[in-house]
Amino acid sequence: MTDKDIQDAPQDDSSQNTAGEPVGADRLPRTIWWEDDSVRLIDQSRLPLVGDILQCDTHEGVCWAIKGMAVRGAPALGVAAALGVAVWAQNEAGEIEEMQQFLDEMGKVVEAITQTRPTAVNLFWGAERMLVLAYDNRDLSLSELRALIVQEAKNMVAEDEARNRALGLHGAELLEPGSKILTHCNAGSLATAFFGTALGVIFSAHEQGKIEHVWVDETRPVMQGARLTAWELMMAGVPCALITDNMSASIMRGGGVDAIVVGADRIAANGDTANKIGTYGLAVLAKQHNIPFYIAAPTSTVDLTIGSGDEIPIEERDHDEVTGVTWSAVLEAPSAEETRVFDALTKESAHEFGFGRGHKLQVSRKGGSFQFDGWARIAPVNVPVFNPAFDVTPAEFITAIITERGVIRPDASGSYEFPLGAICMGSGGLHELGQTT
């Protein structure tokens, strides 16, 4: 796996101003794509102050990127899973000569990818869609099958963007001119192949002149709101303000929020929805203050294999996310003398400082500057920690679910019925609504 600068990431140029420059969401770089027989993706773990592009030539590299949250967000994980299988087929399976061996080994790759993170159902959907494709086309030659797998993964990148743009337009119809929106975590372009889900709604509404302001929850402990959502909205020219997570209730009470729009990592058959930790609290507050609470997610996020949110597995992450602060920045040394010091430290490779109490700092060269990656403890050593990455919002708190197929509202009982033909995925296999394939 290698990296380069985010400036090299491709941008969408379908929407441009009179000077030929992208406008709105189209100013954003693409999140993940296929290039030169490898998977390229923005390293989101270091945004917004460090913009690296990772190049993954093996499926293990893609797995590493998923585990380390270099790529995250349910739709982006679905695409990453498919591309991970494709890069294995293209670069690692060349010596396999028998079809059954190829399928067996591909099954192991799919298992490795789906074990990286447990909650986002799109991850399973993306990987197993590729496995189903391979079994359905096992009559092809291996070279033909490998080419088909790569093309299918590339198709999924384009499909994801198309779904998100359709979803955004459906969601924008729910908002009135002058809307003040609150969002949590990052369900923007970075959480998808391109354009976004919850932020896709906001981007579309902003293009229609409907957005007055967006409140951005910081989203402890990994700060996806502060690091990613705020960056995307500012890049797209959407008026916004960053707030700490515990400010939302007060802003709602003061009349500063007209609607809440968030994404989803898995939606159960009854509409119960898993999303970033803190979402459930916002839904309760929204109901108390009579504010619409919308989920924006593609139908690939729906999991009909589970009846309710009680069955959704919740990932618990590293305690370091709670007990300390991770930061990255590219800085120029403030003087010639300090430049010589850092040059000496990083002459051979990155330099790691040895601090007590677990504090970490690594310095490496970055062009004519230096990249700093650090972790600083803010909690007592050995303090017990509970760090669930997601919570579940019951369907009764959700005003509507916005999908690429339209807006779905609950029935009289408060449950949701999803449109026929939506492809849904559970960890037990690929399903189509009302039909097991």
Protein backbone atom coordinates (compact mmCIF):
# COMPACT_ATOMS: atom_id res chain seq x y z
CA MET A 1 0.00 0.00 0.00
CA THR A 2 1.30 3.43 -0.93
CA ASP A 3 0.01 6.97 -0.53
CA LYS A 4 0.10 10.28 -2.35
CA ASP A 5 -1.58 13.66 -2.03
CA ILE A 6 -5.34 14.24 -2.13
CA GLN A 7 -4.84 16.85 -4.85
CA ASP A 8 -4.35 13.93 -7.24
CA ALA A 9 -7.80 12.53 -6.47
CA PRO A 10 -10.25 12.74 -9.38
CA GLN A 11 -13.04 15.31 -9.08
CA ASP A 12 -16.48 15.36 -10.63
CA ASP A 13 -16.70 17.97 -13.38
CA SER A 14 -20.33 17.45 -14.38
CA SER A 15 -21.34 20.71 -12.66
CA GLN A 16 -19.19 23.75 -13.38
CA ASN A 17 -19.46 27.50 -13.13
CA THR A 18 -18.87 29.88 -16.03
CA ALA A 19 -15.13 29.80 -15.35
CA GLY A 20 -15.10 26.01 -15.71
CA GLU A 21 -14.58 25.35 -12.00
CA PRO A 22 -16.69 22.74 -10.15
CA VAL A 23 -19.41 24.12 -7.88
CA GLY A 24 -21.19 22.83 -4.78
CA ALA A 25 -20.63 19.18 -3.92
CA ASP A 26 -18.79 18.69 -7.20
CA ARG A 27 -15.82 20.53 -5.70
CA LEU A 28 -15.21 17.47 -3.54
CA PRO A 29 -12.71 14.78 -4.55
CA ARG A 30 -13.93 11.26 -5.13
CA THR A 31 -13.64 8.92 -2.17
CA ILE A 32 -12.68 5.56 -3.69
CA TRP A 33 -12.05 4.36 -7.24
CA TRP A 34 -10.22 1.85 -9.48
CA GLU A 35 -7.05 2.97 -11.24
CA ASP A 36 -4.16 1.05 -12.83
CA ASP A 37 -5.24 -2.33 -11.42
CA SER A 38 -5.40 -1.00 -7.86
CA VAL A 39 -7.87 0.49 -5.42
CA ARG A 40 -7.31 4.19 -4.71
CA LEU A 41 -8.95 5.87 -1.74
CA ILE A 42 -8.69 9.00 0.35
CA ASP A 43 -7.23 8.31 3.79
CA GLN A 44 -10.02 9.75 5.93
CA SER A 45 -8.25 8.96 9.19
CA ARG A 46 -5.99 12.00 8.71
CA LEU A 47 -8.39 14.51 7.18
CA PRO A 48 -8.79 17.44 7.08
CA LEU A 49 -5.22 18.62 7.72
CA VAL A 50 -3.47 15.75 5.90
CA GLY A 51 -4.84 14.63 2.54
CA ASP A 52 -3.24 11.35 1.47
CA ILE A 53 -4.46 8.93 -1.19
CA LEU A 54 -3.81 5.28 -0.43
CA GLN A 55 -3.08 2.77 -3.18
CA CYS A 56 -4.11 -0.79 -2.33
CA ASP A 57 -2.75 -3.50 -4.62
CA THR A 58 -4.03 -6.41 -2.50
CA HIS A 59 -7.23 -7.26 -0.66
CA GLU A 60 -5.26 -7.23 2.60
CA GLY A 61 -4.50 -3.56 1.96
CA VAL A 62 -8.22 -2.85 1.54
CA CYS A 63 -8.95 -4.75 4.77
CA TRP A 64 -6.34 -2.68 6.57
CA ALA A 65 -7.92 0.53 5.23
CA ILE A 66 -11.37 -0.55 6.44
CA LYS A 67 -10.18 -1.56 9.92
CA GLY A 68 -8.22 1.66 10.34
CA MET A 69 -11.16 3.78 9.11
CA ALA A 70 -9.15 5.16 6.21
CA VAL A 71 -12.40 4.35 4.39
CA ARG A 72 -15.69 4.42 6.32
CA GLY A 73 -19.37 5.09 5.84
CA ALA A 74 -21.78 2.32 4.92
CA PRO A 75 -22.09 2.90 1.14
CA ALA A 76 -18.33 3.49 0.78
CA LEU A 77 -17.68 0.24 2.65
CA GLY A 78 -19.92 -1.63 0.21
CA VAL A 79 -17.91 -0.27 -2.70
CA ALA A 80 -14.61 -0.91 -0.89
CA ALA A 81 -15.61 -4.53 -0.30
CA ALA A 82 -16.36 -5.07 -3.99
CA LEU A 83 -13.13 -3.38 -5.05
CA GLY A 84 -11.22 -5.46 -2.50
CA VAL A 85 -12.49 -8.64 -4.14
CA ALA A 86 -11.66 -7.19 -7.57
CA VAL A 87 -8.09 -6.33 -6.65
CA TRP A 88 -7.64 -9.90 -5.37
CA ALA A 89 -9.00 -11.32 -8.63
CA GLN A 90 -6.78 -9.03 -10.71
CA ASN A 91 -3.51 -9.13 -8.77
CA GLU A 92 -3.49 -12.17 -6.48
CA ALA A 93 -5.39 -14.93 -8.25
CA GLY A 94 -3.35 -15.09 -11.45
CA GLU A 95 -1.72 -18.43 -10.66
CA ILE A 96 -5.02 -20.23 -9.96
CA GLU A 97 -5.89 -22.53 -12.87
CA GLU A 98 -9.01 -24.37 -11.66
CA MET A 99 -12.41 -22.67 -11.40
CA GLN A 100 -13.42 -24.39 -8.15
CA GLN A 101 -10.16 -23.41 -6.52
CA PHE A 102 -10.74 -19.84 -7.67
CA LEU A 103 -14.23 -19.82 -6.16
CA ASP A 104 -13.02 -21.39 -2.92
CA GLU A 105 -10.22 -18.87 -2.54
CA MET A 106 -12.59 -16.04 -3.43
CA GLY A 107 -14.88 -17.20 -0.65
CA LYS A 108 -12.01 -16.87 1.81
CA VAL A 109 -11.30 -13.34 0.57
CA VAL A 110 -14.96 -12.40 0.98
CA GLU A 111 -14.90 -13.78 4.52
CA ALA A 112 -11.76 -11.79 5.37
CA ILE A 113 -13.30 -8.58 4.07
CA THR A 114 -16.63 -9.05 5.83
CA GLN A 115 -14.89 -9.71 9.15
CA THR A 116 -13.23 -6.28 9.19
CA ARG A 117 -16.22 -4.45 10.70
CA PRO A 118 -19.53 -5.97 11.86
CA THR A 119 -22.26 -3.31 11.76
CA ALA A 120 -22.45 -1.75 8.27
CA VAL A 121 -24.49 -4.22 6.22
CA ASN A 122 -23.29 -2.69 2.93
CA LEU A 123 -19.88 -4.27 3.57
CA PHE A 124 -21.44 -7.75 3.41
CA TRP A 125 -23.64 -6.75 0.47
CA GLY A 126 -20.70 -5.50 -1.61
CA ALA A 127 -18.43 -8.49 -0.99
CA GLU A 128 -21.06 -11.17 -1.39
CA ARG A 129 -22.52 -9.54 -4.49
CA MET A 130 -19.17 -10.26 -6.11
CA LEU A 131 -19.22 -13.88 -4.91
CA VAL A 132 -22.72 -14.42 -6.31
CA LEU A 133 -21.55 -12.90 -9.61
CA ALA A 134 -18.66 -15.34 -9.76
CA TYR A 135 -20.83 -18.41 -9.10
CA ASP A 136 -23.41 -17.24 -11.63
CA ASN A 137 -20.68 -16.97 -14.30
CA ARG A 138 -18.55 -20.00 -13.47
CA ASP A 139 -18.94 -21.25 -17.04
CA LEU A 140 -16.60 -18.48 -18.24
CA SER A 141 -12.85 -18.88 -18.51
CA LEU A 142 -10.89 -17.62 -15.48
CA SER A 143 -9.49 -14.69 -17.43
CA GLU A 144 -12.99 -13.70 -18.55
CA LEU A 145 -14.33 -14.06 -15.01
CA ARG A 146 -11.56 -11.93 -13.53
CA ALA A 147 -12.30 -9.17 -16.07
CA LEU A 148 -16.03 -9.42 -15.29
CA ILE A 149 -15.38 -9.09 -11.54
CA VAL A 150 -13.27 -5.97 -12.03
CA GLN A 151 -15.88 -4.42 -14.31
CA GLU A 152 -18.67 -5.20 -11.85
CA ALA A 153 -16.78 -3.47 -9.04
CA LYS A 154 -16.24 -0.42 -11.24
CA ASN A 155 -19.94 -0.47 -12.12
CA MET A 156 -20.79 -0.44 -8.42
CA VAL A 157 -18.81 2.78 -7.96
CA ALA A 158 -20.92 4.47 -10.66
CA GLU A 159 -24.14 2.94 -9.33
CA ASP A 160 -23.43 4.28 -5.85
CA GLU A 161 -23.10 7.84 -7.09
CA ALA A 162 -26.30 7.54 -9.13
CA ARG A 163 -28.20 6.22 -6.09
CA ASN A 164 -26.90 9.03 -3.91
CA ARG A 165 -27.86 11.74 -6.37
CA ALA A 166 -31.37 10.28 -6.69
CA LEU A 167 -31.64 9.98 -2.91
CA GLY A 168 -30.54 13.59 -2.51
CA LEU A 169 -33.26 14.87 -4.81
CA HIS A 170 -35.96 12.86 -3.02
CA GLY A 171 -34.78 14.17 0.33
CA ALA A 172 -34.59 17.79 -0.83
CA GLU A 173 -38.32 17.67 -1.57
CA LEU A 174 -38.97 17.30 2.18
CA LEU A 175 -37.23 20.55 3.08
CA GLU A 176 -38.66 24.06 2.94
CA PRO A 177 -36.75 27.18 1.81
CA GLY A 178 -34.73 28.66 4.66
CA SER A 179 -34.28 25.30 6.39
CA LYS A 180 -31.91 24.95 9.32
CA ILE A 181 -30.63 21.36 9.41
CA LEU A 182 -28.73 19.39 12.05
CA THR A 183 -26.64 16.37 11.07
CA HIS A 184 -24.51 13.89 13.01
CA CYS A 185 -21.33 12.02 12.06
CA ASN A 186 -20.44 12.02 8.36
CA ALA A 187 -22.91 10.76 5.79
CA GLY A 188 -21.40 12.91 3.07
CA SER A 189 -19.50 12.24 -0.11
CA LEU A 190 -16.66 10.76 1.95
CA ALA A 191 -19.05 8.10 3.27
CA THR A 192 -19.92 7.01 -0.27
CA ALA A 193 -18.20 6.62 -3.62
CA PHE A 194 -19.36 10.18 -4.30
CA PHE A 195 -22.00 12.79 -3.32
CA GLY A 196 -23.30 11.39 -0.02
CA THR A 197 -26.56 10.33 1.62
CA ALA A 198 -27.58 12.70 4.44
CA LEU A 199 -25.26 15.38 3.07
CA GLY A 200 -26.46 14.44 -0.42
CA VAL A 201 -29.90 15.64 0.71
CA ILE A 202 -28.32 18.84 2.02
CA PHE A 203 -26.22 19.37 -1.13
CA SER A 204 -29.30 18.92 -3.34
CA ALA A 205 -31.42 21.22 -1.18
CA HIS A 206 -28.65 23.82 -1.11
CA GLU A 207 -28.50 23.80 -4.92
CA GLN A 208 -32.25 24.54 -4.83
CA GLY A 209 -31.73 27.49 -2.48
CA LYS A 210 -33.42 25.80 0.49
CA ILE A 211 -30.61 25.64 3.05
CA GLU A 212 -30.12 28.55 5.42
CA HIS A 213 -27.76 26.81 7.83
CA VAL A 214 -26.40 23.40 8.87
CA TRP A 215 -25.44 22.50 12.44
CA VAL A 216 -22.60 19.94 12.49
CA ASP A 217 -22.29 17.72 15.57
CA GLU A 218 -18.60 17.05 16.30
CA THR A 219 -19.38 13.32 16.81
CA ARG A 220 -17.19 12.07 19.62
CA PRO A 221 -15.01 10.14 19.95
CA VAL A 222 -13.57 9.93 16.40
CA MET A 223 -14.86 13.42 15.46
CA GLN A 224 -16.18 12.57 12.00
CA GLY A 225 -18.45 15.60 12.13
CA ALA A 226 -15.68 18.01 13.08
CA ARG A 227 -13.07 16.54 10.77
CA LEU A 228 -15.10 15.40 7.75
CA THR A 229 -18.60 16.86 7.59
CA ALA A 230 -17.52 20.41 8.38
CA TRP A 231 -14.75 20.09 5.76
CA GLU A 232 -17.17 18.84 3.08
CA LEU A 233 -19.78 21.53 3.73
CA MET A 234 -17.18 24.28 3.64
CA MET A 235 -15.69 22.87 0.42
CA ALA A 236 -19.17 22.85 -1.12
CA GLY A 237 -20.01 26.37 0.06
CA VAL A 238 -22.85 25.32 2.36
CA PRO A 239 -23.30 27.65 5.41
CA CYS A 240 -22.56 25.68 8.56
CA ALA A 241 -21.32 25.82 12.13
CA LEU A 242 -19.56 23.16 14.19
CA ILE A 243 -21.01 22.40 17.64
CA THR A 244 -20.14 19.95 20.39
CA ASP A 245 -22.47 16.97 20.72
CA ASN A 246 -24.01 18.24 23.96
CA MET A 247 -25.18 21.53 22.40
CA SER A 248 -27.84 20.00 20.15
CA ALA A 249 -30.66 19.92 22.70
CA SER A 250 -30.26 23.57 23.58
CA ILE A 251 -30.24 24.61 19.91
CA MET A 252 -33.39 22.57 19.25
CA ARG A 253 -35.17 24.15 22.22
CA GLY A 254 -34.20 27.59 20.93
CA GLY A 255 -35.87 26.91 17.58
CA GLY A 256 -32.63 26.65 15.64
CA VAL A 257 -33.37 23.29 13.98
CA ASP A 258 -36.08 22.62 11.38
CA ALA A 259 -35.07 19.04 10.56
CA ILE A 260 -32.45 16.43 11.44
CA VAL A 261 -30.96 14.35 8.61
CA VAL A 262 -28.54 11.49 9.35
CA GLY A 263 -27.26 8.42 7.56
CA ALA A 264 -27.45 4.73 8.49
CA ASP A 265 -25.21 1.70 8.72
CA ARG A 266 -27.95 -0.91 8.88
CA ILE A 267 -31.75 -0.74 8.77
CA ALA A 268 -33.77 -3.67 10.11
CA ALA A 269 -36.91 -4.97 8.40
CA ASN A 270 -39.15 -2.97 10.76
CA GLY A 271 -37.25 0.30 10.22
CA ASP A 272 -35.09 0.26 13.36
CA THR A 273 -31.83 1.92 12.32
CA ALA A 274 -28.22 1.62 13.47
CA ASN A 275 -26.09 4.70 12.98
CA LYS A 276 -23.16 6.43 14.67
CA ILE A 277 -23.35 6.53 18.46
CA GLY A 278 -25.35 9.57 19.56
CA THR A 279 -27.99 9.27 16.84
CA TYR A 280 -30.59 7.72 19.15
CA GLY A 281 -30.29 10.62 21.57
CA LEU A 282 -30.91 13.10 18.77
CA ALA A 283 -34.01 11.17 17.70
CA VAL A 284 -35.44 11.31 21.23
CA LEU A 285 -34.74 15.05 21.39
CA ALA A 286 -36.31 15.57 17.97
CA LYS A 287 -39.52 13.88 19.08
CA GLN A 288 -39.61 15.98 22.24
CA HIS A 289 -39.26 19.19 20.22
CA ASN A 290 -41.54 18.08 17.35
CA ILE A 291 -38.71 18.19 14.79
CA PRO A 292 -38.73 15.82 11.76
CA PHE A 293 -36.04 13.16 12.04
CA TYR A 294 -34.98 11.69 8.70
CA ILE A 295 -32.75 8.72 7.85
CA ALA A 296 -31.04 8.97 4.45
CA ALA A 297 -29.64 5.68 3.13
CA PRO A 298 -29.63 3.56 -0.04
CA THR A 299 -31.73 0.40 -0.08
CA SER A 300 -28.50 -1.63 0.11
CA THR A 301 -28.42 -0.57 3.79
CA VAL A 302 -31.68 -2.41 4.51
CA ASP A 303 -31.23 -5.85 6.05
CA LEU A 304 -34.40 -7.94 5.78
CA THR A 305 -32.73 -10.91 7.45
CA ILE A 306 -33.25 -9.26 10.86
CA GLY A 307 -36.63 -8.27 12.22
CA SER A 308 -35.61 -5.45 14.53
CA GLY A 309 -32.69 -3.38 15.75
CA ASP A 310 -32.19 -5.74 18.69
CA GLU A 311 -30.47 -8.12 16.27
CA ILE A 312 -28.01 -5.60 14.82
CA PRO A 313 -24.42 -6.31 15.94
CA ILE A 314 -22.83 -3.24 17.50
CA GLU A 315 -19.10 -2.77 17.00
CA GLU A 316 -17.05 -1.83 20.07
CA ARG A 317 -13.89 -0.01 19.12
CA ASP A 318 -10.47 0.68 20.61
CA HIS A 319 -10.48 2.35 24.02
CA ASP A 320 -7.78 4.76 22.82
CA GLU A 321 -10.46 6.58 20.82
CA VAL A 322 -12.06 7.65 24.11
CA THR A 323 -9.04 8.04 26.39
CA GLY A 324 -7.02 10.20 24.01
CA VAL A 325 -7.03 12.48 21.00
CA THR A 326 -5.58 11.47 17.63
CA TRP A 327 -4.29 14.23 15.39
CA SER A 328 -2.42 14.65 12.12
CA ALA A 329 -0.99 17.74 10.47
CA VAL A 330 1.54 18.78 7.85
CA LEU A 331 3.65 21.66 9.17
CA GLU A 332 6.66 23.65 8.11
CA ALA A 333 9.47 23.95 10.63
CA PRO A 334 9.37 27.51 12.07
CA SER A 335 13.09 28.14 11.62
CA ALA A 336 16.14 26.94 9.69
CA GLU A 337 17.61 25.46 12.85
CA GLU A 338 14.48 23.42 13.56
CA THR A 339 14.34 22.35 9.92
CA ARG A 340 17.84 20.87 10.30
CA VAL A 341 16.72 19.03 13.44
CA PHE A 342 13.68 17.49 11.74
CA ASP A 343 15.74 16.71 8.64
CA ALA A 344 18.17 14.76 10.81
CA LEU A 345 15.37 12.91 12.60
CA THR A 346 13.62 11.87 9.39
CA LYS A 347 16.65 11.32 7.15
CA GLU A 348 16.30 7.53 7.04
CA SER A 349 12.61 7.06 7.86
CA ALA A 350 9.81 8.35 10.06
CA HIS A 351 10.93 9.11 13.60
CA GLU A 352 8.89 7.95 16.57
CA PHE A 353 9.28 9.69 19.91
CA GLY A 354 9.15 7.56 23.03
CA PHE A 355 6.88 9.24 25.58
CA GLY A 356 5.46 7.93 28.83
CA ARG A 357 1.79 7.23 29.64
CA GLY A 358 1.20 6.03 26.11
CA HIS A 359 1.52 9.39 24.35
CA LYS A 360 2.60 8.92 20.74
CA LEU A 361 4.21 11.18 18.15
CA GLN A 362 5.64 10.26 14.74
CA VAL A 363 7.34 12.72 12.40
CA SER A 364 7.99 12.02 8.72
CA ARG A 365 8.91 13.99 5.62
CA LYS A 366 6.08 15.38 3.51
CA GLY A 367 7.49 17.24 0.51
CA GLY A 368 9.25 20.33 1.82
CA SER A 369 7.35 20.07 5.13
CA PHE A 370 6.93 17.49 7.87
CA GLN A 371 3.96 15.31 8.74
CA PHE A 372 3.10 14.84 12.41
CA ASP A 373 0.85 11.98 13.57
CA GLY A 374 0.13 11.90 17.27
CA TRP A 375 -2.04 10.56 20.05
CA ALA A 376 -2.29 12.40 23.39
CA ARG A 377 -3.90 10.90 26.48
CA ILE A 378 -6.66 12.98 28.10
CA ALA A 379 -7.98 10.38 30.57
CA PRO A 380 -6.38 8.62 33.56
CA VAL A 381 -4.18 5.64 32.78
CA ASN A 382 -6.09 2.34 33.03
CA VAL A 383 -9.52 3.97 33.35
CA PRO A 384 -12.27 1.48 32.32
CA VAL A 385 -13.84 2.39 28.96
CA PHE A 386 -16.97 1.41 27.02
CA ASN A 387 -16.80 2.48 23.38
CA PRO A 388 -19.71 1.27 21.22
CA ALA A 389 -19.40 2.79 17.75
CA PHE A 390 -23.13 2.73 16.97
CA ASP A 391 -26.55 2.88 18.58
CA VAL A 392 -30.01 1.86 17.35
CA THR A 393 -32.87 4.30 16.82
CA PRO A 394 -36.29 2.60 17.04
CA ALA A 395 -38.55 3.08 14.01
CA GLU A 396 -41.10 4.96 16.11
CA PHE A 397 -38.68 7.90 16.37
CA ILE A 398 -38.03 8.10 12.60
CA THR A 399 -40.23 10.46 10.57
CA ALA A 400 -39.24 8.93 7.23
CA ILE A 401 -36.47 6.97 5.51
CA ILE A 402 -35.11 8.60 2.36
CA THR A 403 -33.82 6.15 -0.29
CA GLU A 404 -32.89 6.33 -3.96
CA ARG A 405 -36.33 4.84 -4.69
CA GLY A 406 -38.22 7.55 -2.83
CA VAL A 407 -39.30 8.54 0.67
CA ILE A 408 -40.70 5.74 2.82
CA ARG A 409 -42.96 6.61 5.75
CA PRO A 410 -44.13 4.31 8.53
CA ASP A 411 -47.50 2.59 8.42
CA ALA A 412 -50.22 3.02 11.03
CA SER A 413 -48.37 0.68 13.40
CA GLY A 414 -45.16 2.68 13.12
CA SER A 415 -43.26 0.06 11.12
CA TYR A 416 -41.77 0.36 7.64
CA GLU A 417 -42.38 -1.62 4.47
CA PHE A 418 -39.62 -1.36 1.88
CA PRO A 419 -40.19 -1.34 -1.90
CA LEU A 420 -40.09 -4.61 -3.81
CA GLY A 421 -36.94 -5.24 -5.78
CA ALA A 422 -34.61 -3.51 -3.34
CA ILE A 423 -31.47 -5.58 -2.92
CA CYS A 424 -30.87 -6.18 0.75
CA MET A 425 -28.06 -7.99 2.42
CA GLY A 426 -27.58 -9.72 5.71
CA SER A 427 -24.50 -11.44 7.06
CA GLY A 428 -26.16 -14.75 6.25
CA GLY A 429 -26.45 -14.23 2.48
CA LEU A 430 -27.77 -12.12 -0.35
CA HIS A 431 -31.50 -11.48 -0.41
CA GLU A 432 -34.04 -9.74 -2.56
CA LEU A 433 -37.16 -8.48 -0.83
CA GLY A 434 -39.62 -11.32 -0.61
CA GLN A 435 -37.23 -13.72 -2.34
CA THR A 436 -34.05 -15.52 -1.36
CA THR A 437 -31.54 -15.89 -4.18
